[in-house]
Amino acid sequence: RVRALGLNLRTKQPEWESRNLDTMNHAVMGFHTSLVNGLAIITSQRKVHALDPLTGEVKWEFEIKYEDNAISSCTHYGNYFLFKTNGEGFYCLDATNGALRYRLTFPMGQIDELNQYDGIAYFSDDKIYAIDIATGNKLGEWANPSAWLYPGDKFTWSNEGVILDPSTGYLYAHDGTRAYCMKNPLK
């Protein structure tokens, strides 16, 4: 079972408990929470739920396609809620009502982190990618910037995310053994 609990931080007492939101195997997949424009957005294995954080009332729910398996990472910008699945699906929902804005497919493995800056989502797998969150347009993809690989080596970015430094415009990522820094080609 997946239930949300509203805790009063002053009294340290529960204020509300939501109805059962989903059934999931916690050993297989965790869940994510975000506060987006006054709604508590909670992802479970196959669903996204929006709750009123003061009452626990479910405002809307969204379920992913079966072939997309499970929700693995998410981010938000304005009224947009973007998330990646363990399948090939990228979904963007209107956070105010749960309406699907778009669904994209990317044939890649699990991405543990989506990071956004100024409405652009950055993530990595075998390349670094950038997507305009509002439109779903791919703004760029960049391969490994390193000249340190031997011929025939297969490079894979770590799936733990890309960090953008807004003051310098540099992107930071790693491949599990080496850290990389590169100027953001979009800036």
Protein backbone atom coordinates (compact mmCIF):
# COMPACT_ATOMS: atom_id res chain seq x y z
CA ARG A 1 0.00 0.00 0.00
CA VAL A 2 1.02 3.56 -0.60
CA ARG A 3 -0.50 6.22 1.62
CA ALA A 4 0.55 9.77 2.33
CA LEU A 5 0.50 11.20 5.84
CA GLY A 6 0.14 14.91 6.62
CA LEU A 7 2.17 15.80 9.69
CA ASN A 8 1.76 19.02 11.64
CA LEU A 9 5.33 20.15 12.28
CA ARG A 10 4.33 22.31 15.26
CA THR A 11 2.51 19.59 17.17
CA LYS A 12 4.37 16.66 15.57
CA GLN A 13 1.01 14.95 15.22
CA PRO A 14 -0.62 13.53 12.08
CA GLU A 15 -3.27 15.82 10.59
CA TRP A 16 -4.53 13.45 7.88
CA GLU A 17 -3.85 10.17 6.11
CA SER A 18 -4.67 9.69 2.44
CA ARG A 19 -6.60 6.80 1.02
CA ASN A 20 -4.58 3.96 -0.49
CA LEU A 21 -2.92 5.47 -3.56
CA ASP A 22 -1.28 2.41 -5.09
CA THR A 23 0.17 -1.00 -4.41
CA MET A 24 3.87 -1.35 -5.05
CA ASN A 25 6.89 -3.42 -4.23
CA HIS A 26 9.21 -1.08 -2.30
CA ALA A 27 12.13 -3.42 -2.99
CA VAL A 28 11.68 -2.80 -6.72
CA MET A 29 10.98 0.92 -6.87
CA GLY A 30 10.87 3.88 -4.54
CA PHE A 31 8.71 6.94 -4.89
CA HIS A 32 9.25 10.66 -5.42
CA THR A 33 7.56 13.70 -3.90
CA SER A 34 7.46 17.30 -5.07
CA LEU A 35 5.55 20.42 -4.06
CA VAL A 36 4.34 22.01 -7.30
CA ASN A 37 2.22 25.18 -7.21
CA GLY A 38 0.44 24.26 -4.00
CA LEU A 39 -0.05 20.55 -4.73
CA ALA A 40 1.89 17.63 -3.25
CA ILE A 41 2.85 15.48 -6.26
CA ILE A 42 3.66 11.90 -5.30
CA THR A 43 4.81 9.20 -7.70
CA SER A 44 4.34 5.55 -6.94
CA GLN A 45 5.48 2.68 -9.12
CA ARG A 46 3.02 3.26 -11.97
CA LYS A 47 1.00 6.36 -10.98
CA VAL A 48 1.34 10.06 -10.31
CA HIS A 49 -0.94 11.53 -7.63
CA ALA A 50 -1.63 15.18 -6.77
CA LEU A 51 -2.84 15.82 -3.23
CA ASP A 52 -3.92 18.91 -1.36
CA PRO A 53 -1.11 19.15 1.23
CA LEU A 54 -3.46 20.58 3.88
CA THR A 55 -6.22 17.96 3.66
CA GLY A 56 -4.78 14.94 1.82
CA GLU A 57 -7.60 15.10 -0.74
CA VAL A 58 -6.55 13.54 -4.06
CA LYS A 59 -7.02 16.20 -6.75
CA TRP A 60 -5.97 14.06 -9.75
CA GLU A 61 -4.15 10.86 -10.72
CA PHE A 62 -2.32 9.71 -13.83
CA GLU A 63 -1.24 6.17 -14.74
CA ILE A 64 1.64 5.40 -17.11
CA LYS A 65 1.47 2.97 -20.03
CA TYR A 66 2.08 -0.66 -19.13
CA GLU A 67 5.19 -1.00 -21.33
CA ASP A 68 6.87 1.89 -19.51
CA ASN A 69 7.27 -0.34 -16.44
CA ALA A 70 7.85 2.07 -13.51
CA ILE A 71 8.56 5.73 -12.77
CA SER A 72 12.27 6.29 -12.13
CA SER A 73 12.91 10.05 -11.88
CA CYS A 74 11.12 13.38 -12.05
CA THR A 75 11.47 17.15 -12.04
CA HIS A 76 9.16 20.12 -12.39
CA TYR A 77 9.14 23.63 -13.80
CA GLY A 78 6.21 26.04 -13.43
CA ASN A 79 3.04 24.01 -14.06
CA TYR A 80 4.96 21.23 -15.84
CA PHE A 81 5.74 17.92 -14.15
CA LEU A 82 8.23 15.83 -16.16
CA PHE A 83 9.14 12.23 -15.36
CA LYS A 84 11.08 9.35 -16.89
CA THR A 85 10.14 5.70 -16.68
CA ASN A 86 12.25 2.54 -16.67
CA GLY A 87 10.88 1.84 -20.13
CA GLU A 88 11.39 4.34 -22.94
CA GLY A 89 8.79 6.89 -21.84
CA PHE A 90 9.20 10.52 -20.87
CA TYR A 91 5.95 12.09 -19.74
CA CYS A 92 5.04 15.71 -19.12
CA LEU A 93 1.86 16.49 -17.20
CA ASP A 94 0.03 19.72 -16.48
CA ALA A 95 0.56 19.86 -12.72
CA THR A 96 -2.69 21.75 -12.15
CA ASN A 97 -5.01 19.05 -13.52
CA GLY A 98 -2.92 15.97 -14.45
CA ALA A 99 -3.55 16.32 -18.19
CA LEU A 100 -0.92 14.76 -20.43
CA ARG A 101 0.96 17.48 -22.29
CA TYR A 102 3.22 15.07 -24.20
CA ARG A 103 4.89 11.68 -24.11
CA LEU A 104 8.33 11.16 -25.68
CA THR A 105 10.29 7.99 -26.19
CA PHE A 106 14.01 7.64 -25.69
CA PRO A 107 15.52 4.15 -26.08
CA MET A 108 17.79 4.25 -23.05
CA GLY A 109 18.23 2.65 -19.68
CA GLN A 110 17.30 3.88 -16.26
CA ILE A 111 18.00 7.50 -15.47
CA ASP A 112 18.20 8.18 -11.76
CA GLU A 113 18.22 11.98 -11.92
CA LEU A 114 16.50 14.62 -14.01
CA ASN A 115 17.77 18.10 -13.24
CA GLN A 116 16.23 21.27 -14.58
CA TYR A 117 17.45 24.80 -14.94
CA ASP A 118 15.42 27.60 -16.54
CA GLY A 119 12.88 25.15 -17.94
CA ILE A 120 15.41 22.80 -19.51
CA ALA A 121 15.72 19.23 -18.23
CA TYR A 122 19.22 17.73 -18.29
CA PHE A 123 19.91 14.02 -17.93
CA SER A 124 22.51 11.49 -18.98
CA ASP A 125 22.87 7.93 -20.17
CA ASP A 126 25.37 7.24 -22.95
CA LYS A 127 25.14 10.96 -23.83
CA ILE A 128 24.05 14.14 -22.07
CA TYR A 129 20.61 15.31 -23.22
CA ALA A 130 18.69 18.56 -22.86
CA ILE A 131 14.91 18.85 -23.32
CA ASP A 132 12.73 21.96 -23.26
CA ILE A 133 10.23 21.00 -20.56
CA ALA A 134 7.37 23.13 -21.90
CA THR A 135 7.48 21.80 -25.47
CA GLY A 136 9.26 18.44 -25.24
CA ASN A 137 11.71 19.54 -27.95
CA LYS A 138 15.15 18.00 -27.70
CA LEU A 139 17.56 20.93 -27.54
CA GLY A 140 20.73 18.93 -27.74
CA GLU A 141 22.69 15.78 -27.05
CA TRP A 142 26.39 15.60 -26.41
CA ALA A 143 28.78 12.70 -26.40
CA ASN A 144 31.69 12.13 -24.06
CA PRO A 145 34.01 15.16 -24.16
CA SER A 146 37.04 13.17 -23.04
CA ALA A 147 40.02 12.30 -25.20
CA TRP A 148 41.19 9.87 -22.52
CA LEU A 149 39.44 6.81 -23.91
CA TYR A 150 41.37 4.08 -25.64
CA PRO A 151 40.21 3.00 -29.12
CA GLY A 152 37.34 0.53 -28.74
CA ASP A 153 36.41 1.64 -25.20
CA LYS A 154 32.68 2.01 -24.62
CA PHE A 155 31.88 5.12 -22.67
CA THR A 156 28.72 5.37 -20.57
CA TRP A 157 27.77 8.45 -18.59
CA SER A 158 26.67 7.65 -15.07
CA ASN A 159 22.89 7.72 -14.80
CA GLU A 160 23.12 9.75 -11.60
CA GLY A 161 22.46 13.02 -13.33
CA VAL A 162 23.92 16.14 -14.78
CA ILE A 163 24.54 19.24 -12.70
CA LEU A 164 24.45 22.71 -14.22
CA ASP A 165 26.24 25.60 -12.54
CA PRO A 166 24.09 28.66 -13.38
CA SER A 167 26.85 31.13 -12.55
CA THR A 168 29.36 29.64 -15.02
CA GLY A 169 27.07 27.77 -17.42
CA TYR A 170 29.15 24.60 -17.07
CA LEU A 171 27.71 21.07 -17.03
CA TYR A 172 29.15 18.48 -14.68
CA ALA A 173 28.74 14.69 -14.99
CA HIS A 174 30.73 11.54 -14.35
CA ASP A 175 31.12 8.06 -15.77
CA GLY A 176 31.62 6.26 -12.47
CA THR A 177 35.40 6.68 -12.42
CA ARG A 178 36.06 10.14 -13.90
CA ALA A 179 34.38 13.51 -13.45
CA TYR A 180 33.78 15.76 -16.46
CA CYS A 181 33.14 19.45 -16.82
CA MET A 182 32.08 21.05 -20.09
CA LYS A 183 30.71 24.40 -21.21
CA ASN A 184 26.96 24.10 -21.77
CA PRO A 185 26.51 24.28 -25.56
CA LEU A 186 23.06 25.88 -25.03
CA LYS A 187 24.44 28.91 -23.18
